[in-house]
Amino acid sequence: MVAGGIAGGEGELFRSATWYDQTINWEARLGREIDVLAEVFGSPGDGGVIDAGCGPGRHACAMAARGYRVTGADISDEMLVVATEHATKMAEDVSFVACSYAELGDHVGSGHDGIFCIGNGLAVAGTQPDVAASIEGLCGTLRVGGKLFIQMLNFTLMHGENPCVRGPRVVTVDGVEYVSFRTYQFGQHVVEVVNTTLWHDSGWQMRSWSGRLIPIERYVLVNLLEACGMDVLHTWGSYAQEPFDIAESRDLIVVAEKRG
């Protein structure tokens, strides 16, 4: 997301890759998500898998620990610094590249067994044309039969909520408890997001940052994937793999396969 509304000093902490990494409950996320990714991709193959929008590299390292040859890609050099530190610390053989989704094939080539783009990563691609170019870039890295896994928010459900708020998310860093929530305001073809964090340290304090998402709906995503030579295998509403319900599911997960 594009950070804003925080000026210098302490505020830089809240939009840094290190801070983002600290605010995620990685034990819970990886415990919920890695088994599903491994199930979708099957046994590790020679083609390897790509973590598109890898952020601080936690998923890439966890997949490497399962025996997959993994490439992590992110447009943020700062995130890749943190990701490389994690891979080195965990002694996992993960390679990282700095590029956009659309440019991914130029950096990693084709013929991969799988690619995943999760944590709402595709929705930050930029504009609607950028989303289409991004999906083309993701699909172009796969071999025939290769699998693609995309997870994002169910924007259709959220659009009907007024106000639309997600949270709270609570994390403790250096003995201080931070409570964050996000509000989503839908405009024409864009969602404005404001993340607010509260904490008590010599009095109550608050920091906010803002960003934009592209609200990608299921039918748009499915049509773009099919146009890129993909067959959609599953649409789930969560990592529990229940069928996607447009009026109930909090998430949208799409699994697709590259057709011959």
Protein backbone atom coordinates (compact mmCIF):
# COMPACT_ATOMS: atom_id res chain seq x y z
CA MET A 1 0.00 0.00 0.00
CA VAL A 2 1.05 3.60 -0.48
CA ALA A 3 1.82 5.00 2.96
CA GLY A 4 0.92 8.54 3.85
CA GLY A 5 -0.13 10.80 6.67
CA ILE A 6 2.96 10.11 8.79
CA ALA A 7 5.83 12.54 8.81
CA GLY A 8 9.33 11.59 9.81
CA GLY A 9 10.79 10.27 13.07
CA GLU A 10 8.67 7.75 14.94
CA GLY A 11 6.14 7.77 12.12
CA GLU A 12 8.63 6.13 9.78
CA LEU A 13 8.46 3.05 11.98
CA PHE A 14 4.81 2.54 11.10
CA ARG A 15 5.42 2.39 7.38
CA SER A 16 8.67 0.42 7.46
CA ALA A 17 9.09 -3.17 6.33
CA THR A 18 10.42 -4.11 9.76
CA TRP A 19 7.36 -2.68 11.50
CA TYR A 20 5.01 -4.47 9.10
CA ASP A 21 6.84 -7.72 9.77
CA GLN A 22 6.49 -7.25 13.53
CA THR A 23 2.76 -6.55 13.42
CA ILE A 24 1.75 -9.84 11.77
CA ASN A 25 1.00 -12.98 13.78
CA TRP A 26 3.12 -15.14 11.51
CA GLU A 27 2.66 -18.32 13.53
CA ALA A 28 -1.10 -18.13 13.01
CA ARG A 29 -0.89 -17.07 9.35
CA LEU A 30 1.66 -19.67 8.29
CA GLY A 31 -0.14 -22.36 10.26
CA ARG A 32 -3.35 -21.55 8.40
CA GLU A 33 -1.93 -20.96 4.92
CA ILE A 34 1.17 -23.06 4.17
CA ASP A 35 -0.59 -26.43 4.35
CA VAL A 36 -3.17 -25.21 1.82
CA LEU A 37 -0.51 -23.87 -0.55
CA ALA A 38 1.39 -27.17 -0.36
CA GLU A 39 -1.84 -29.09 -1.03
CA VAL A 40 -2.58 -26.97 -4.11
CA PHE A 41 0.95 -27.19 -5.56
CA GLY A 42 1.55 -30.84 -4.70
CA SER A 43 4.96 -32.36 -4.12
CA PRO A 44 7.93 -30.07 -4.81
CA GLY A 45 8.98 -30.26 -8.46
CA ASP A 46 11.89 -29.09 -10.56
CA GLY A 47 10.04 -25.99 -11.79
CA GLY A 48 9.82 -24.35 -8.39
CA VAL A 49 7.23 -21.89 -7.08
CA ILE A 50 7.05 -18.10 -6.93
CA ASP A 51 5.86 -15.95 -4.04
CA ALA A 52 4.60 -12.86 -5.88
CA GLY A 53 4.47 -9.87 -3.56
CA CYS A 54 6.56 -11.76 -1.01
CA GLY A 55 6.91 -8.86 1.44
CA PRO A 56 9.20 -9.86 4.32
CA GLY A 57 9.60 -13.37 2.90
CA ARG A 58 7.94 -15.42 5.61
CA HIS A 59 5.85 -17.52 3.21
CA ALA A 60 8.75 -17.99 0.81
CA CYS A 61 10.95 -19.30 3.63
CA ALA A 62 8.19 -21.55 4.96
CA MET A 63 7.64 -23.08 1.52
CA ALA A 64 11.39 -23.58 1.09
CA ALA A 65 11.40 -25.42 4.42
CA ARG A 66 8.83 -27.79 2.87
CA GLY A 67 11.31 -28.62 0.11
CA TYR A 68 10.14 -26.24 -2.63
CA ARG A 69 12.56 -24.25 -4.74
CA VAL A 70 11.22 -20.75 -4.14
CA THR A 71 11.67 -17.35 -5.74
CA GLY A 72 10.27 -14.36 -3.89
CA ALA A 73 9.38 -11.22 -5.85
CA ASP A 74 8.45 -7.79 -4.55
CA ILE A 75 8.59 -4.23 -5.86
CA SER A 76 9.86 -2.94 -2.48
CA ASP A 77 13.62 -3.08 -2.00
CA GLU A 78 13.11 -2.52 1.73
CA MET A 79 10.87 -5.57 2.01
CA LEU A 80 13.42 -7.65 0.12
CA VAL A 81 16.15 -6.64 2.58
CA VAL A 82 14.02 -8.00 5.43
CA ALA A 83 13.14 -11.11 3.39
CA THR A 84 16.79 -11.84 2.66
CA GLU A 85 17.62 -11.49 6.37
CA HIS A 86 14.95 -14.04 7.24
CA ALA A 87 16.13 -16.49 4.57
CA THR A 88 19.72 -16.20 5.79
CA LYS A 89 18.72 -16.63 9.43
CA MET A 90 16.59 -19.68 8.63
CA ALA A 91 19.26 -21.10 6.28
CA GLU A 92 16.65 -21.46 3.55
CA ASP A 93 17.72 -21.37 -0.11
CA VAL A 94 15.34 -18.70 -1.45
CA SER A 95 16.16 -16.28 -4.25
CA PHE A 96 14.61 -12.82 -4.42
CA VAL A 97 13.99 -10.39 -7.27
CA ALA A 98 12.78 -6.79 -7.28
CA CYS A 99 10.11 -6.23 -9.93
CA SER A 100 6.44 -5.61 -10.57
CA TYR A 101 4.01 -8.41 -11.31
CA ALA A 102 3.83 -7.41 -14.96
CA GLU A 103 7.64 -7.64 -15.30
CA LEU A 104 7.95 -10.93 -13.44
CA GLY A 105 8.50 -13.13 -16.49
CA ASP A 106 11.42 -10.96 -17.62
CA HIS A 107 13.16 -11.67 -14.31
CA VAL A 108 12.30 -15.30 -13.53
CA GLY A 109 11.32 -16.79 -16.89
CA SER A 110 8.58 -19.36 -17.43
CA GLY A 111 8.11 -23.05 -16.67
CA HIS A 112 7.36 -22.78 -12.96
CA ASP A 113 5.20 -25.31 -11.15
CA GLY A 114 3.25 -22.73 -9.18
CA ILE A 115 2.83 -19.11 -8.19
CA PHE A 116 0.96 -17.52 -5.31
CA CYS A 117 -0.09 -13.94 -4.66
CA ILE A 118 -1.76 -13.60 -1.27
CA GLY A 119 -2.48 -11.12 1.51
CA ASN A 120 -4.41 -8.84 -0.88
CA GLY A 121 -1.24 -8.35 -2.94
CA LEU A 122 -2.96 -8.16 -6.33
CA ALA A 123 -5.28 -5.37 -5.17
CA VAL A 124 -2.30 -3.03 -4.71
CA ALA A 125 -1.16 -3.44 -8.32
CA GLY A 126 -2.08 0.17 -9.18
CA THR A 127 -4.92 0.71 -11.66
CA GLN A 128 -7.40 -1.62 -13.35
CA PRO A 129 -5.16 -1.91 -16.45
CA ASP A 130 -2.26 -2.65 -14.09
CA VAL A 131 -4.27 -5.50 -12.57
CA ALA A 132 -4.83 -7.02 -16.02
CA ALA A 133 -1.14 -6.66 -16.89
CA SER A 134 -0.20 -8.14 -13.52
CA ILE A 135 -2.34 -11.24 -14.01
CA GLU A 136 -0.83 -11.73 -17.46
CA GLY A 137 2.61 -11.45 -15.90
CA LEU A 138 1.81 -13.96 -13.15
CA CYS A 139 0.31 -16.51 -15.54
CA GLY A 140 3.21 -16.17 -17.96
CA THR A 141 5.63 -17.66 -15.43
CA LEU A 142 3.84 -21.03 -15.32
CA ARG A 143 4.38 -24.25 -17.23
CA VAL A 144 1.39 -26.10 -18.70
CA GLY A 145 -0.37 -27.65 -15.71
CA GLY A 146 1.20 -25.15 -13.32
CA LYS A 147 -1.03 -23.83 -10.53
CA LEU A 148 -1.84 -20.25 -9.54
CA PHE A 149 -3.18 -19.28 -6.11
CA ILE A 150 -4.61 -15.80 -5.45
CA GLN A 151 -6.14 -14.58 -2.17
CA MET A 152 -7.70 -11.20 -1.47
CA LEU A 153 -10.58 -9.57 0.37
CA ASN A 154 -14.16 -10.10 -0.77
CA PHE A 155 -14.68 -6.54 -1.95
CA THR A 156 -18.28 -7.16 -3.02
CA LEU A 157 -19.27 -8.00 0.56
CA MET A 158 -17.32 -5.04 1.93
CA HIS A 159 -18.92 -2.62 -0.51
CA GLY A 160 -22.28 -3.25 1.14
CA GLU A 161 -21.01 -2.38 4.63
CA ASN A 162 -21.35 1.17 5.93
CA PRO A 163 -19.07 1.83 7.68
CA CYS A 164 -16.65 -0.87 6.52
CA VAL A 165 -14.13 -1.59 9.29
CA ARG A 166 -11.74 -4.50 9.81
CA GLY A 167 -9.94 -5.26 13.06
CA PRO A 168 -8.87 -4.86 15.73
CA ARG A 169 -5.43 -6.39 15.22
CA VAL A 170 -3.34 -6.45 18.37
CA VAL A 171 0.43 -6.92 18.59
CA THR A 172 2.95 -6.40 21.39
CA VAL A 173 6.35 -4.97 20.41
CA ASP A 174 9.03 -4.28 23.04
CA GLY A 175 6.44 -4.55 25.81
CA VAL A 176 4.01 -2.07 24.25
CA GLU A 177 0.61 -3.25 23.02
CA TYR A 178 -0.49 -1.78 19.69
CA VAL A 179 -4.10 -1.96 18.52
CA SER A 180 -4.85 -1.34 14.84
CA PHE A 181 -8.00 -1.21 12.75
CA ARG A 182 -8.70 -0.30 9.13
CA THR A 183 -11.57 1.57 7.53
CA TYR A 184 -12.45 1.17 3.84
CA GLN A 185 -14.18 3.84 1.76
CA PHE A 186 -15.34 2.77 -1.70
CA GLY A 187 -15.12 5.19 -4.60
CA GLN A 188 -15.29 4.67 -8.35
CA HIS A 189 -12.96 1.76 -9.16
CA VAL A 190 -10.87 2.36 -6.04
CA VAL A 191 -10.96 1.75 -2.28
CA GLU A 192 -9.39 4.27 0.08
CA VAL A 193 -7.98 2.55 3.16
CA VAL A 194 -7.00 4.18 6.44
CA ASN A 195 -5.06 2.16 9.01
CA THR A 196 -5.13 3.60 12.54
CA THR A 197 -2.87 2.33 15.32
CA LEU A 198 -3.40 3.19 19.02
CA TRP A 199 -1.04 2.47 21.90
CA HIS A 200 -0.38 3.62 25.46
CA ASP A 201 3.17 4.67 26.28
CA SER A 202 3.42 7.72 28.56
CA GLY A 203 -0.15 8.50 27.53
CA TRP A 204 -2.36 7.46 24.63
CA GLN A 205 -0.87 7.90 21.18
CA MET A 206 -2.12 7.39 17.64
CA ARG A 207 -0.69 7.10 14.14
CA SER A 208 -2.50 6.67 10.83
CA TRP A 209 -1.51 5.91 7.27
CA SER A 210 -3.56 5.65 4.12
CA GLY A 211 -3.48 3.79 0.84
CA ARG A 212 -5.50 2.63 -2.14
CA LEU A 213 -6.71 -0.75 -3.33
CA ILE A 214 -8.34 -1.84 -6.57
CA PRO A 215 -11.56 -3.68 -5.61
CA ILE A 216 -11.27 -6.77 -7.81
CA GLU A 217 -14.48 -8.79 -8.00
CA ARG A 218 -14.64 -12.53 -8.58
CA TYR A 219 -16.08 -12.40 -12.11
CA VAL A 220 -13.40 -9.89 -13.18
CA LEU A 221 -10.61 -12.04 -11.77
CA VAL A 222 -11.99 -15.23 -13.33
CA ASN A 223 -12.41 -13.58 -16.75
CA LEU A 224 -8.86 -12.20 -16.69
CA LEU A 225 -7.43 -15.57 -15.73
CA GLU A 226 -9.34 -17.40 -18.45
CA ALA A 227 -8.15 -14.84 -21.01
CA CYS A 228 -4.58 -15.68 -19.96
CA GLY A 229 -5.01 -19.39 -20.65
CA MET A 230 -5.97 -20.49 -17.14
CA ASP A 231 -8.72 -22.90 -16.08
CA VAL A 232 -10.25 -21.95 -12.73
CA LEU A 233 -10.36 -25.01 -10.47
CA HIS A 234 -11.66 -23.56 -7.19
CA THR A 235 -13.12 -20.39 -5.73
CA TRP A 236 -13.01 -20.54 -1.93
CA GLY A 237 -14.17 -18.20 0.79
CA SER A 238 -11.24 -18.85 3.13
CA TYR A 239 -8.27 -21.12 3.73
CA ALA A 240 -10.77 -23.63 5.17
CA GLN A 241 -11.65 -24.19 1.49
CA GLU A 242 -15.40 -23.74 1.81
CA PRO A 243 -17.11 -22.60 -1.43
CA PHE A 244 -17.01 -18.85 -2.00
CA ASP A 245 -20.23 -17.09 -0.98
CA ILE A 246 -20.35 -13.56 -2.34
CA ALA A 247 -22.68 -12.43 0.46
CA GLU A 248 -20.88 -14.13 3.37
CA SER A 249 -17.21 -14.91 2.66
CA ARG A 250 -14.62 -12.55 4.11
CA ASP A 251 -12.01 -13.57 1.53
CA LEU A 252 -11.86 -14.58 -2.10
CA ILE A 253 -9.41 -17.34 -3.00
CA VAL A 254 -9.02 -18.50 -6.60
CA VAL A 255 -7.02 -21.54 -7.68
CA ALA A 256 -6.33 -21.93 -11.41
CA GLU A 257 -4.28 -24.19 -13.70
CA LYS A 258 -2.40 -23.32 -16.89
CA ARG A 259 -4.05 -25.06 -19.78
CA GLY A 260 -2.12 -26.62 -22.68
